[in-house]
Amino acid sequence: MVDCGRGAVSQYLRAGLSMPSLTGIFLTHLHSDHIADYFAFPLLSAGAAGAAGFTTPVNVYGPGPAGIDSTVAVAPGPIPGTAEMTELAARAYAASPTFFMKEHTGADPIEATPTGSSHRQASREGVSDTPGRGDPVT
């Protein structure tokens, strides 16, 4: 999958592809029109039990930090790259997969989904934000 703009999950499924068939995500840049559905892949798959969800880790590749500070008042500090953006999204959307897991009907989106790919605690394995490199940060 190259980029995950609005509607990416719907179009992916409409094309007849299944979540378990997703083997990688490459984000060309982090503008909202290229990442709007990025975290929807693991979030929606987290509620799918067994073979309907992700069964193997999926690597994610994308740009690193922008190297400049945000000008958005409620989001001060450096603009994050792919790995930090993934961690921030996981924290922001933690309620849904937590409830699924408490009900024993879902999986942790960071443990077995595209954004995390064996992503445990602060590990960034499987999520690359090093521009120009083809392998994930370990």
N, C-alpha and C. Protein backbone atom coordinates (compact mmCIF):
# COMPACT_ATOMS: atom_id res chain seq x y z
N MET A 1 0.85 -1.16 0.00
CA MET A 1 0.00 0.00 0.00
C MET A 1 0.90 1.23 0.00
N VAL A 2 0.67 2.11 -0.95
CA VAL A 2 1.41 3.36 -1.01
C VAL A 2 0.43 4.47 -0.63
N ASP A 3 0.70 5.11 0.50
CA ASP A 3 -0.11 6.18 1.07
C ASP A 3 -1.48 5.67 1.52
N CYS A 4 -2.05 6.39 2.44
CA CYS A 4 -3.31 5.97 3.07
C CYS A 4 -4.23 7.17 3.22
N GLY A 5 -4.54 7.82 2.13
CA GLY A 5 -5.44 8.97 2.17
C GLY A 5 -6.86 8.55 2.52
N ARG A 6 -7.74 9.54 2.62
CA ARG A 6 -9.14 9.28 2.98
C ARG A 6 -9.75 8.26 2.02
N GLY A 7 -10.34 7.23 2.59
CA GLY A 7 -10.97 6.19 1.78
C GLY A 7 -10.07 5.02 1.46
N ALA A 8 -8.82 5.04 1.91
CA ALA A 8 -7.87 3.97 1.56
C ALA A 8 -8.35 2.60 2.03
N VAL A 9 -8.87 2.51 3.24
CA VAL A 9 -9.33 1.22 3.75
C VAL A 9 -10.51 0.73 2.93
N SER A 10 -11.48 1.60 2.67
CA SER A 10 -12.65 1.21 1.87
C SER A 10 -12.25 0.74 0.48
N GLN A 11 -11.36 1.48 -0.17
CA GLN A 11 -10.92 1.11 -1.51
C GLN A 11 -10.12 -0.19 -1.49
N TYR A 12 -9.31 -0.39 -0.46
CA TYR A 12 -8.53 -1.61 -0.31
C TYR A 12 -9.46 -2.82 -0.25
N LEU A 13 -10.48 -2.72 0.60
CA LEU A 13 -11.43 -3.82 0.74
C LEU A 13 -12.32 -3.95 -0.49
N ARG A 14 -12.71 -2.84 -1.10
CA ARG A 14 -13.53 -2.86 -2.31
C ARG A 14 -12.79 -3.56 -3.46
N ALA A 15 -11.46 -3.48 -3.45
CA ALA A 15 -10.66 -4.14 -4.48
C ALA A 15 -10.58 -5.64 -4.26
N GLY A 16 -11.21 -6.13 -3.19
CA GLY A 16 -11.22 -7.55 -2.91
C GLY A 16 -10.03 -8.04 -2.10
N LEU A 17 -9.27 -7.10 -1.56
CA LEU A 17 -8.11 -7.47 -0.76
C LEU A 17 -8.54 -7.65 0.70
N SER A 18 -7.86 -8.53 1.40
CA SER A 18 -8.17 -8.76 2.80
C SER A 18 -7.08 -8.13 3.67
N MET A 19 -7.41 -7.82 4.91
CA MET A 19 -6.42 -7.24 5.81
C MET A 19 -5.18 -8.14 5.92
N PRO A 20 -5.34 -9.47 6.07
CA PRO A 20 -4.15 -10.31 6.19
C PRO A 20 -3.24 -10.28 4.96
N SER A 21 -3.75 -9.83 3.81
CA SER A 21 -2.91 -9.79 2.61
C SER A 21 -2.01 -8.54 2.55
N LEU A 22 -2.22 -7.61 3.44
CA LEU A 22 -1.41 -6.39 3.47
C LEU A 22 -0.02 -6.73 4.02
N THR A 23 0.99 -6.48 3.23
CA THR A 23 2.35 -6.83 3.66
C THR A 23 3.21 -5.61 3.99
N GLY A 24 2.79 -4.43 3.58
CA GLY A 24 3.58 -3.25 3.89
C GLY A 24 2.83 -1.98 3.55
N ILE A 25 3.20 -0.92 4.22
CA ILE A 25 2.67 0.42 3.95
C ILE A 25 3.85 1.35 3.77
N PHE A 26 3.82 2.13 2.69
CA PHE A 26 4.85 3.13 2.42
C PHE A 26 4.17 4.49 2.36
N LEU A 27 4.55 5.37 3.25
CA LEU A 27 4.00 6.73 3.27
C LEU A 27 5.00 7.66 2.60
N THR A 28 4.58 8.28 1.50
CA THR A 28 5.50 9.14 0.75
C THR A 28 5.82 10.42 1.50
N HIS A 29 4.83 10.98 2.19
CA HIS A 29 5.01 12.14 3.04
C HIS A 29 3.83 12.20 4.00
N LEU A 30 3.93 13.05 5.01
CA LEU A 30 2.95 13.02 6.09
C LEU A 30 1.89 14.11 6.03
N HIS A 31 1.56 14.57 4.82
CA HIS A 31 0.43 15.50 4.67
C HIS A 31 -0.86 14.71 4.95
N SER A 32 -1.85 15.38 5.50
CA SER A 32 -3.08 14.69 5.89
C SER A 32 -3.76 13.96 4.73
N ASP A 33 -3.65 14.46 3.51
CA ASP A 33 -4.29 13.78 2.39
C ASP A 33 -3.58 12.48 2.01
N HIS A 34 -2.47 12.18 2.65
CA HIS A 34 -1.74 10.92 2.40
C HIS A 34 -1.76 9.99 3.60
N ILE A 35 -2.24 10.48 4.76
CA ILE A 35 -2.21 9.65 5.97
C ILE A 35 -3.55 9.56 6.70
N ALA A 36 -4.61 10.15 6.16
CA ALA A 36 -5.89 10.21 6.87
C ALA A 36 -6.38 8.83 7.32
N ASP A 37 -6.20 7.80 6.52
CA ASP A 37 -6.65 6.45 6.88
C ASP A 37 -5.51 5.55 7.36
N TYR A 38 -4.34 6.11 7.56
CA TYR A 38 -3.18 5.30 7.97
C TYR A 38 -3.47 4.46 9.21
N PHE A 39 -3.92 5.09 10.28
CA PHE A 39 -4.16 4.32 11.50
C PHE A 39 -5.49 3.58 11.47
N ALA A 40 -6.33 3.86 10.46
CA ALA A 40 -7.58 3.11 10.34
C ALA A 40 -7.30 1.64 10.02
N PHE A 41 -6.22 1.34 9.31
CA PHE A 41 -5.90 -0.06 9.01
C PHE A 41 -5.74 -0.87 10.29
N PRO A 42 -4.83 -0.50 11.20
CA PRO A 42 -4.72 -1.31 12.41
C PRO A 42 -5.91 -1.18 13.34
N LEU A 43 -6.52 -0.01 13.38
CA LEU A 43 -7.63 0.21 14.29
C LEU A 43 -8.81 -0.68 13.92
N LEU A 44 -9.15 -0.73 12.64
CA LEU A 44 -10.27 -1.57 12.20
C LEU A 44 -9.92 -3.04 12.29
N SER A 45 -8.70 -3.39 12.00
CA SER A 45 -8.29 -4.78 12.07
C SER A 45 -8.20 -5.27 13.51
N ALA A 46 -7.95 -4.37 14.46
CA ALA A 46 -7.82 -4.76 15.87
C ALA A 46 -9.11 -5.37 16.40
N GLY A 47 -10.23 -4.97 15.84
CA GLY A 47 -11.50 -5.52 16.29
C GLY A 47 -11.90 -6.79 15.57
N ALA A 48 -11.09 -7.21 14.60
CA ALA A 48 -11.41 -8.42 13.84
C ALA A 48 -10.69 -9.61 14.46
N ALA A 49 -11.45 -10.62 14.77
CA ALA A 49 -10.88 -11.80 15.40
C ALA A 49 -10.24 -12.73 14.36
N GLY A 50 -9.17 -13.39 14.77
CA GLY A 50 -8.54 -14.43 13.96
C GLY A 50 -8.09 -14.00 12.59
N ALA A 51 -8.39 -14.81 11.60
CA ALA A 51 -7.89 -14.62 10.24
C ALA A 51 -8.45 -13.38 9.55
N ALA A 52 -9.50 -12.77 10.07
CA ALA A 52 -10.06 -11.57 9.45
C ALA A 52 -9.19 -10.35 9.71
N GLY A 53 -8.40 -10.39 10.77
CA GLY A 53 -7.51 -9.28 11.10
C GLY A 53 -6.11 -9.58 10.61
N PHE A 54 -5.14 -8.81 11.08
CA PHE A 54 -3.76 -9.05 10.69
C PHE A 54 -3.24 -10.28 11.41
N THR A 55 -2.65 -11.17 10.66
CA THR A 55 -2.12 -12.40 11.25
C THR A 55 -0.61 -12.37 11.34
N THR A 56 0.03 -11.49 10.59
CA THR A 56 1.48 -11.33 10.67
C THR A 56 1.80 -9.84 10.69
N PRO A 57 2.94 -9.48 11.25
CA PRO A 57 3.31 -8.06 11.28
C PRO A 57 3.48 -7.49 9.87
N VAL A 58 3.17 -6.22 9.73
CA VAL A 58 3.28 -5.51 8.46
C VAL A 58 4.21 -4.32 8.68
N ASN A 59 5.26 -4.23 7.89
CA ASN A 59 6.19 -3.11 8.05
C ASN A 59 5.63 -1.84 7.43
N VAL A 60 5.97 -0.73 8.07
CA VAL A 60 5.55 0.59 7.63
C VAL A 60 6.80 1.42 7.41
N TYR A 61 6.86 2.09 6.27
CA TYR A 61 8.00 2.94 5.93
C TYR A 61 7.48 4.34 5.64
N GLY A 62 8.20 5.34 6.11
CA GLY A 62 7.79 6.71 5.85
C GLY A 62 8.86 7.68 6.30
N PRO A 63 8.62 8.94 6.08
CA PRO A 63 9.62 9.97 6.39
C PRO A 63 9.85 10.14 7.89
N GLY A 64 11.03 10.63 8.20
CA GLY A 64 11.38 10.94 9.58
C GLY A 64 10.84 12.30 9.97
N PRO A 65 11.24 12.77 11.13
CA PRO A 65 10.79 14.08 11.61
C PRO A 65 11.11 15.19 10.61
N ALA A 66 10.25 16.19 10.58
CA ALA A 66 10.39 17.28 9.60
C ALA A 66 11.59 18.18 9.91
N GLY A 67 12.04 18.17 11.15
CA GLY A 67 13.17 19.02 11.51
C GLY A 67 12.79 20.46 11.82
N ILE A 68 11.48 20.70 11.92
CA ILE A 68 11.01 22.04 12.28
C ILE A 68 9.94 21.91 13.37
N ASP A 69 9.70 22.99 14.09
CA ASP A 69 8.66 22.99 15.11
C ASP A 69 7.30 23.29 14.50
N SER A 70 6.29 22.72 15.12
CA SER A 70 4.91 22.95 14.72
C SER A 70 4.51 24.40 14.98
N THR A 71 3.66 24.94 14.13
CA THR A 71 3.10 26.27 14.35
C THR A 71 1.67 26.18 14.88
N VAL A 72 1.21 24.96 15.17
CA VAL A 72 -0.14 24.73 15.68
C VAL A 72 -0.09 24.86 17.21
N ALA A 73 -0.88 25.78 17.75
CA ALA A 73 -0.82 26.11 19.18
C ALA A 73 -1.05 24.91 20.09
N VAL A 74 -1.97 24.01 19.75
CA VAL A 74 -2.26 22.88 20.63
C VAL A 74 -1.32 21.69 20.38
N ALA A 75 -0.39 21.83 19.45
CA ALA A 75 0.57 20.76 19.14
C ALA A 75 1.97 21.35 19.05
N PRO A 76 2.47 21.90 20.16
CA PRO A 76 3.79 22.53 20.12
C PRO A 76 4.92 21.50 20.01
N GLY A 77 6.07 21.97 19.63
CA GLY A 77 7.25 21.12 19.57
C GLY A 77 7.56 20.63 18.17
N PRO A 78 8.55 19.75 18.06
CA PRO A 78 8.97 19.24 16.75
C PRO A 78 7.87 18.44 16.05
N ILE A 79 7.79 18.58 14.75
CA ILE A 79 6.84 17.79 13.96
C ILE A 79 7.37 16.36 13.88
N PRO A 80 6.55 15.37 14.29
CA PRO A 80 7.04 13.99 14.34
C PRO A 80 7.17 13.35 12.97
N GLY A 81 7.98 12.30 12.94
CA GLY A 81 8.09 11.46 11.76
C GLY A 81 7.11 10.30 11.86
N THR A 82 7.25 9.33 10.98
CA THR A 82 6.33 8.19 10.90
C THR A 82 6.26 7.40 12.20
N ALA A 83 7.41 7.06 12.78
CA ALA A 83 7.40 6.23 14.00
C ALA A 83 6.71 6.94 15.16
N GLU A 84 7.05 8.20 15.41
CA GLU A 84 6.42 8.92 16.52
C GLU A 84 4.95 9.18 16.24
N MET A 85 4.60 9.47 14.99
CA MET A 85 3.20 9.67 14.63
C MET A 85 2.40 8.40 14.94
N THR A 86 2.99 7.25 14.66
CA THR A 86 2.33 5.97 14.93
C THR A 86 2.10 5.80 16.42
N GLU A 87 3.10 6.11 17.23
CA GLU A 87 2.95 6.00 18.67
C GLU A 87 1.89 6.96 19.20
N LEU A 88 1.87 8.18 18.67
CA LEU A 88 0.87 9.16 19.10
C LEU A 88 -0.53 8.71 18.71
N ALA A 89 -0.69 8.16 17.52
CA ALA A 89 -2.00 7.66 17.08
C ALA A 89 -2.44 6.49 17.95
N ALA A 90 -1.51 5.61 18.30
CA ALA A 90 -1.85 4.47 19.15
C ALA A 90 -2.35 4.94 20.51
N ARG A 91 -1.72 5.96 21.05
CA ARG A 91 -2.17 6.51 22.34
C ARG A 91 -3.53 7.20 22.18
N ALA A 92 -3.69 7.95 21.11
CA ALA A 92 -4.94 8.69 20.90
C ALA A 92 -6.14 7.76 20.71
N TYR A 93 -5.92 6.63 20.07
CA TYR A 93 -7.01 5.70 19.77
C TYR A 93 -6.98 4.45 20.65
N ALA A 94 -6.36 4.52 21.80
CA ALA A 94 -6.19 3.34 22.66
C ALA A 94 -7.51 2.78 23.20
N ALA A 95 -8.53 3.59 23.34
CA ALA A 95 -9.78 3.13 23.94
C ALA A 95 -10.40 1.95 23.19
N SER A 96 -10.55 2.08 21.90
CA SER A 96 -11.25 1.05 21.13
C SER A 96 -10.57 -0.32 21.21
N PRO A 97 -9.27 -0.44 20.87
CA PRO A 97 -8.65 -1.76 20.99
C PRO A 97 -8.59 -2.27 22.43
N THR A 98 -8.47 -1.36 23.39
CA THR A 98 -8.48 -1.78 24.79
C THR A 98 -9.80 -2.45 25.14
N PHE A 99 -10.90 -1.83 24.73
CA PHE A 99 -12.21 -2.41 25.00
C PHE A 99 -12.37 -3.75 24.28
N PHE A 100 -11.92 -3.83 23.02
CA PHE A 100 -11.99 -5.10 22.29
C PHE A 100 -11.22 -6.19 23.02
N MET A 101 -10.00 -5.86 23.47
CA MET A 101 -9.17 -6.85 24.15
C MET A 101 -9.77 -7.25 25.49
N LYS A 102 -10.35 -6.31 26.22
CA LYS A 102 -11.00 -6.62 27.49
C LYS A 102 -12.17 -7.58 27.27
N GLU A 103 -12.82 -7.45 26.12
CA GLU A 103 -13.95 -8.32 25.78
C GLU A 103 -13.48 -9.59 25.08
N HIS A 104 -12.16 -9.73 24.92
CA HIS A 104 -11.54 -10.89 24.26
C HIS A 104 -12.00 -11.07 22.83
N THR A 105 -12.24 -9.95 22.15
CA THR A 105 -12.69 -10.03 20.76
C THR A 105 -11.73 -9.37 19.78
N GLY A 106 -10.64 -8.83 20.26
CA GLY A 106 -9.75 -8.11 19.36
C GLY A 106 -8.30 -8.25 19.76
N ALA A 107 -7.45 -7.54 19.03
CA ALA A 107 -6.01 -7.60 19.25
C ALA A 107 -5.45 -6.21 19.42
N ASP A 108 -4.28 -6.13 20.03
CA ASP A 108 -3.58 -4.86 20.18
C ASP A 108 -3.11 -4.41 18.80
N PRO A 109 -3.53 -3.24 18.33
CA PRO A 109 -3.15 -2.81 16.99
C PRO A 109 -1.65 -2.59 16.82
N ILE A 110 -0.94 -2.42 17.90
CA ILE A 110 0.50 -2.21 17.80
C ILE A 110 1.25 -3.54 17.83
N GLU A 111 0.66 -4.56 18.38
CA GLU A 111 1.33 -5.86 18.45
C GLU A 111 1.26 -6.62 17.13
N ALA A 112 0.16 -6.52 16.40
CA ALA A 112 0.00 -7.38 15.24
C ALA A 112 -0.63 -6.67 14.06
N THR A 113 -0.21 -5.45 13.80
CA THR A 113 -0.81 -4.69 12.72
C THR A 113 0.23 -3.86 11.99
N PRO A 114 -0.17 -3.22 10.91
CA PRO A 114 0.80 -2.50 10.11
C PRO A 114 1.59 -1.44 10.86
N THR A 115 0.96 -0.73 11.74
CA THR A 115 1.68 0.36 12.36
C THR A 115 2.72 -0.10 13.35
N GLY A 116 2.53 -1.27 13.91
CA GLY A 116 3.44 -1.69 14.96
C GLY A 116 4.38 -2.78 14.55
N SER A 117 3.91 -3.76 13.84
CA SER A 117 4.76 -4.86 13.43
C SER A 117 5.73 -5.25 14.53
N SER A 118 5.28 -5.98 15.48
CA SER A 118 6.09 -6.40 16.62
C SER A 118 6.52 -5.20 17.45
N HIS A 119 5.74 -4.18 17.44
CA HIS A 119 5.98 -2.91 18.13
C HIS A 119 5.63 -3.12 19.60
N ARG A 120 6.60 -3.17 20.48
CA ARG A 120 6.33 -3.41 21.89
C ARG A 120 6.92 -2.28 22.72
N GLN A 121 6.15 -1.80 23.67
CA GLN A 121 6.55 -0.70 24.53
C GLN A 121 7.04 0.46 23.65
N ALA A 122 8.26 0.91 23.86
CA ALA A 122 8.75 2.05 23.10
C ALA A 122 9.51 1.62 21.84
N SER A 123 9.51 0.33 21.54
CA SER A 123 10.23 -0.18 20.38
C SER A 123 9.61 0.35 19.09
N ARG A 124 10.43 0.62 18.12
CA ARG A 124 9.92 1.08 16.83
C ARG A 124 10.20 0.07 15.74
N GLU A 125 10.41 -1.17 16.09
CA GLU A 125 10.69 -2.20 15.11
C GLU A 125 9.51 -2.31 14.15
N GLY A 126 9.79 -2.33 12.87
CA GLY A 126 8.74 -2.46 11.87
C GLY A 126 8.21 -1.14 11.37
N VAL A 127 8.56 -0.04 12.00
CA VAL A 127 8.12 1.28 11.54
C VAL A 127 9.36 2.10 11.27
N SER A 128 9.57 2.42 10.01
CA SER A 128 10.77 3.15 9.63
C SER A 128 10.46 4.61 9.38
N ASP A 129 11.25 5.48 9.96
CA ASP A 129 11.10 6.89 9.61
C ASP A 129 12.46 7.47 9.24
N THR A 130 13.24 6.65 8.57
CA THR A 130 14.54 7.10 8.09
C THR A 130 14.46 7.27 6.58
N PRO A 131 14.39 8.51 6.09
CA PRO A 131 14.26 8.73 4.65
C PRO A 131 15.39 8.08 3.89
N GLY A 132 15.05 7.45 2.78
CA GLY A 132 16.04 6.88 1.88
C GLY A 132 16.50 5.49 2.25
N ARG A 133 16.01 4.94 3.36
CA ARG A 133 16.39 3.58 3.73
C ARG A 133 15.19 2.67 3.54
N GLY A 134 15.45 1.47 3.10
CA GLY A 134 14.37 0.54 2.86
C GLY A 134 14.09 -0.41 3.99
N ASP A 135 14.90 -0.36 5.06
CA ASP A 135 14.64 -1.30 6.14
C ASP A 135 14.11 -0.56 7.37
N PRO A 136 13.31 -1.26 8.19
CA PRO A 136 12.71 -0.60 9.34
C PRO A 136 13.72 -0.28 10.43
N VAL A 137 13.36 0.69 11.24
CA VAL A 137 14.18 1.06 12.40
C VAL A 137 14.09 -0.07 13.41
N THR A 138 15.21 -0.47 13.97
CA THR A 138 15.17 -1.54 14.99
C THR A 138 15.69 -1.04 16.30
